Amino acid sequence: MRMRSLLTLAGAVAALTLPTAVPASAADGAVLTAGSVGGTAVAAGEVLTAPLASGTAATFYSSATGTSGISCTSSQFTATVTDNPGAPGTATESVSAHTFDAASCTTNVVGVLGVTGITVNNLPYSAAVASDGTVTVTPAEGSVIQTTVVLRTLLGSINCVYQAPSLAGTASNDDNTINFTRAQFTKVSGSSLCFANGYFTAKYAPVTGSGAAVYVN
């Protein structure tokens, strides 16, 4: 009788324990989740947007450590999720828009009176967001990331065209941000008033989809 009781107890313990031993793939959430870390997976096709973080500016300076160039207080990107696998992994997005409000832009470049416009060319771009927070933006095959800056001068408008093979940034769950820090562009055309290199820095937050903050897992 005692042996039977012990076997019965062992069977009961096993019955309580086994349901929690699920495969790792079932327990893992998606790389991008809405509302919280480990929250609801962001569906493919979901449109994500992010403005500049409150109180910050997007800057495009002529050197990595200087402060001469352009500063804008209004900018936003829009991207559509194309794949959101289980974490850890890498989610992919298609960046369809990246805008700057020229009215919010100022410049301290000698000989330049103001900023007429900043246009991001060759869209859409692909963005890869990894579980470790690494963000990589790349153009379509055979293309480049390109930005055209139109400046006002005493002699009229000038176009400054800058290119980069890719952009590297970071995502943070602390405030649902995507950060770019001194991402380098090279001038490919424009007058001598267009600086030879441009270093782009910006903090976009919060990244949201359908009104909910997006987290990286």
Protein backbone atom coordinates (compact mmCIF):
# COMPACT_ATOMS: atom_id res chain seq x y z
CA MET A 1 0.00 0.00 0.00
CA ARG A 2 2.82 2.39 0.85
CA MET A 3 4.52 1.69 -2.51
CA ARG A 4 1.25 2.38 -4.35
CA SER A 5 0.83 5.68 -2.48
CA LEU A 6 4.34 6.79 -3.41
CA LEU A 7 3.73 5.95 -7.08
CA THR A 8 0.44 7.84 -7.02
CA LEU A 9 2.15 10.90 -5.50
CA ALA A 10 4.94 10.76 -8.10
CA GLY A 11 2.38 10.59 -10.88
CA ALA A 12 0.52 13.62 -9.53
CA VAL A 13 3.72 15.67 -9.34
CA ALA A 14 4.58 14.73 -12.92
CA ALA A 15 1.11 15.70 -14.10
CA LEU A 16 1.51 19.16 -12.56
CA THR A 17 5.01 19.65 -13.93
CA LEU A 18 4.84 18.42 -17.52
CA PRO A 19 2.45 21.07 -18.91
CA THR A 20 5.02 23.80 -18.23
CA ALA A 21 7.73 22.06 -20.28
CA VAL A 22 6.75 23.61 -23.62
CA PRO A 23 9.12 23.93 -26.58
CA ALA A 24 11.32 27.04 -26.55
CA SER A 25 9.81 28.25 -29.81
CA ALA A 26 6.36 28.36 -28.26
CA ALA A 27 7.58 30.23 -25.20
CA ASP A 28 9.54 32.85 -27.14
CA GLY A 29 7.75 36.03 -28.22
CA ALA A 30 8.35 38.06 -31.34
CA VAL A 31 11.21 40.50 -31.86
CA LEU A 32 8.78 43.45 -32.05
CA THR A 33 5.93 43.61 -29.56
CA ALA A 34 3.29 46.24 -28.84
CA GLY A 35 2.46 47.69 -25.44
CA SER A 36 5.25 46.08 -23.44
CA VAL A 37 8.31 43.85 -23.54
CA GLY A 38 7.00 40.40 -24.36
CA GLY A 39 3.63 41.87 -25.31
CA THR A 40 1.51 41.27 -28.39
CA ALA A 41 3.53 40.53 -31.52
CA VAL A 42 3.47 43.32 -34.09
CA ALA A 43 1.89 41.88 -37.22
CA ALA A 44 3.49 41.98 -40.64
CA GLY A 45 1.90 44.86 -42.51
CA GLU A 46 1.66 47.05 -39.40
CA VAL A 47 2.69 50.67 -40.06
CA LEU A 48 5.11 52.14 -37.52
CA THR A 49 5.78 55.85 -37.09
CA ALA A 50 8.05 57.94 -34.91
CA PRO A 51 8.61 61.70 -34.63
CA LEU A 52 11.69 63.29 -33.15
CA ALA A 53 11.85 62.79 -29.41
CA SER A 54 10.37 65.76 -27.58
CA GLY A 55 12.85 68.55 -27.00
CA THR A 56 15.47 67.16 -29.40
CA ALA A 57 16.67 68.09 -32.88
CA ALA A 58 17.93 66.19 -35.91
CA THR A 59 21.32 67.57 -36.85
CA PHE A 60 23.38 67.33 -40.01
CA TYR A 61 26.81 68.70 -39.17
CA SER A 62 29.91 69.13 -41.29
CA SER A 63 32.12 67.16 -38.90
CA ALA A 64 31.68 64.37 -36.38
CA THR A 65 32.54 66.60 -33.43
CA GLY A 66 31.54 70.06 -34.68
CA THR A 67 28.33 72.08 -34.53
CA SER A 68 28.37 73.76 -37.94
CA GLY A 69 25.58 72.65 -40.23
CA ILE A 70 21.82 72.17 -40.09
CA SER A 71 19.46 71.54 -37.18
CA CYS A 72 15.75 70.59 -37.51
CA THR A 73 13.23 70.21 -34.69
CA SER A 74 10.55 68.45 -36.75
CA SER A 75 11.14 65.13 -38.53
CA GLN A 76 9.39 61.77 -38.76
CA PHE A 77 9.81 58.35 -40.30
CA THR A 78 7.22 55.82 -41.41
CA ALA A 79 7.94 52.11 -41.88
CA THR A 80 5.91 48.97 -42.54
CA VAL A 81 6.80 45.72 -40.77
CA THR A 82 7.60 43.05 -43.36
CA ASP A 83 8.73 40.21 -41.06
CA ASN A 84 8.63 39.77 -37.30
CA PRO A 85 10.11 36.40 -36.27
CA GLY A 86 10.47 34.91 -32.82
CA ALA A 87 13.02 36.40 -30.45
CA PRO A 88 15.93 36.38 -30.43
CA GLY A 89 16.08 37.28 -34.09
CA THR A 90 15.86 40.14 -36.55
CA ALA A 91 12.68 41.87 -37.66
CA THR A 92 12.56 43.68 -41.01
CA GLU A 93 10.75 46.80 -42.11
CA SER A 94 10.27 48.83 -45.26
CA VAL A 95 10.92 52.53 -44.66
CA SER A 96 8.50 54.36 -46.96
CA ALA A 97 8.89 57.92 -45.68
CA HIS A 98 11.46 60.00 -43.82
CA THR A 99 10.51 63.66 -43.70
CA PHE A 100 11.92 66.93 -42.38
CA ASP A 101 9.90 70.11 -41.94
CA ALA A 102 12.07 72.79 -43.53
CA ALA A 103 10.28 75.47 -41.51
CA SER A 104 11.77 73.92 -38.37
CA CYS A 105 15.32 73.88 -39.76
CA THR A 106 18.05 76.43 -39.07
CA THR A 107 21.63 76.66 -40.29
CA ASN A 108 24.80 78.39 -39.15
CA VAL A 109 26.83 77.68 -42.29
CA VAL A 110 28.68 80.81 -43.40
CA GLY A 111 27.14 82.19 -46.60
CA VAL A 112 23.86 80.27 -46.18
CA LEU A 113 20.67 82.17 -45.31
CA GLY A 114 18.33 79.27 -44.61
CA VAL A 115 17.04 75.81 -45.46
CA THR A 116 14.46 75.49 -48.24
CA GLY A 117 14.02 71.73 -48.02
CA ILE A 118 15.46 68.34 -47.08
CA THR A 119 14.33 65.38 -49.17
CA VAL A 120 15.22 61.75 -48.58
CA ASN A 121 15.57 60.09 -51.98
CA ASN A 122 15.55 56.51 -53.31
CA LEU A 123 12.89 55.26 -50.91
CA PRO A 124 11.84 52.72 -49.81
CA TYR A 125 14.74 51.54 -47.70
CA SER A 126 14.99 48.29 -45.77
CA ALA A 127 15.48 48.38 -42.01
CA ALA A 128 16.60 45.42 -39.90
CA VAL A 129 15.97 45.55 -36.14
CA ALA A 130 17.81 42.88 -34.14
CA SER A 131 16.99 41.65 -30.64
CA ASP A 132 20.19 43.27 -29.32
CA GLY A 133 18.87 46.69 -30.40
CA THR A 134 21.01 47.03 -33.51
CA VAL A 135 19.25 48.88 -36.35
CA THR A 136 20.60 48.75 -39.92
CA VAL A 137 19.07 50.75 -42.76
CA THR A 138 19.98 49.75 -46.32
CA PRO A 139 18.83 50.86 -49.79
CA ALA A 140 17.50 48.63 -52.53
CA GLU A 141 20.09 46.56 -54.36
CA GLY A 142 22.12 48.74 -56.71
CA SER A 143 20.95 51.95 -55.01
CA VAL A 144 22.23 54.21 -52.23
CA ILE A 145 20.80 56.11 -49.30
CA GLN A 146 20.55 59.68 -50.53
CA THR A 147 19.46 63.03 -49.14
CA THR A 148 19.09 66.27 -51.07
CA VAL A 149 19.41 69.49 -49.09
CA VAL A 150 18.26 72.75 -50.68
CA LEU A 151 19.83 75.86 -49.16
CA ARG A 152 19.13 79.58 -49.68
CA THR A 153 22.10 81.84 -50.36
CA LEU A 154 22.62 85.41 -51.49
CA LEU A 155 23.18 84.05 -54.99
CA GLY A 156 20.03 81.91 -54.99
CA SER A 157 19.23 78.29 -54.12
CA ILE A 158 21.81 75.52 -54.17
CA ASN A 159 21.28 71.77 -54.06
CA CYS A 160 23.58 69.64 -51.91
CA VAL A 161 23.31 65.89 -52.53
CA TYR A 162 24.68 63.45 -49.96
CA GLN A 163 24.91 59.66 -50.07
CA ALA A 164 25.71 56.75 -47.76
CA PRO A 165 25.86 53.00 -48.41
CA SER A 166 23.87 52.27 -45.23
CA LEU A 167 22.97 53.70 -41.83
CA ALA A 168 23.55 52.16 -38.41
CA GLY A 169 21.43 53.01 -35.37
CA THR A 170 20.23 51.60 -32.08
CA ALA A 171 16.81 50.88 -30.57
CA SER A 172 16.07 51.28 -26.88
CA ASN A 173 13.10 50.11 -24.82
CA ASP A 174 13.77 52.75 -22.16
CA ASP A 175 11.78 55.31 -24.11
CA ASN A 176 10.91 53.38 -27.31
CA THR A 177 13.54 55.18 -29.33
CA ILE A 178 15.60 54.71 -32.45
CA ASN A 179 18.86 56.66 -32.35
CA PHE A 180 21.29 57.62 -35.08
CA THR A 181 24.59 59.09 -33.91
CA ARG A 182 26.95 60.82 -36.32
CA ALA A 183 25.95 58.62 -39.27
CA GLN A 184 28.26 59.74 -42.09
CA PHE A 185 27.16 60.94 -45.53
CA THR A 186 29.45 62.04 -48.36
CA LYS A 187 28.67 64.92 -50.73
CA VAL A 188 28.34 63.75 -54.32
CA SER A 189 27.24 67.05 -55.86
CA GLY A 190 26.75 70.70 -54.91
CA SER A 191 28.58 73.98 -54.62
CA SER A 192 31.48 74.80 -52.33
CA LEU A 193 28.96 75.98 -49.73
CA CYS A 194 27.85 72.35 -49.35
CA PHE A 195 30.12 70.74 -46.78
CA ALA A 196 32.08 67.72 -48.00
CA ASN A 197 30.70 65.34 -45.37
CA GLY A 198 27.51 65.33 -43.36
CA TYR A 199 27.09 63.64 -39.98
CA PHE A 200 23.48 62.82 -39.10
CA THR A 201 22.31 62.56 -35.50
CA ALA A 202 18.68 62.12 -34.41
CA LYS A 203 16.55 60.48 -31.73
CA TYR A 204 13.10 59.29 -32.82
CA ALA A 205 10.55 58.50 -30.12
CA PRO A 206 8.23 57.01 -29.38
CA VAL A 207 8.04 54.34 -32.08
CA THR A 208 4.37 53.35 -32.24
CA GLY A 209 2.05 51.09 -34.21
CA SER A 210 -1.75 51.46 -34.01
CA GLY A 211 -1.28 53.83 -31.09
CA ALA A 212 0.79 51.44 -28.97
CA ALA A 213 4.49 51.79 -28.14
CA VAL A 214 6.70 49.24 -29.89
CA TYR A 215 9.35 47.27 -27.95
CA VAL A 216 12.32 45.17 -29.09
CA ASN A 217 12.73 41.72 -27.58
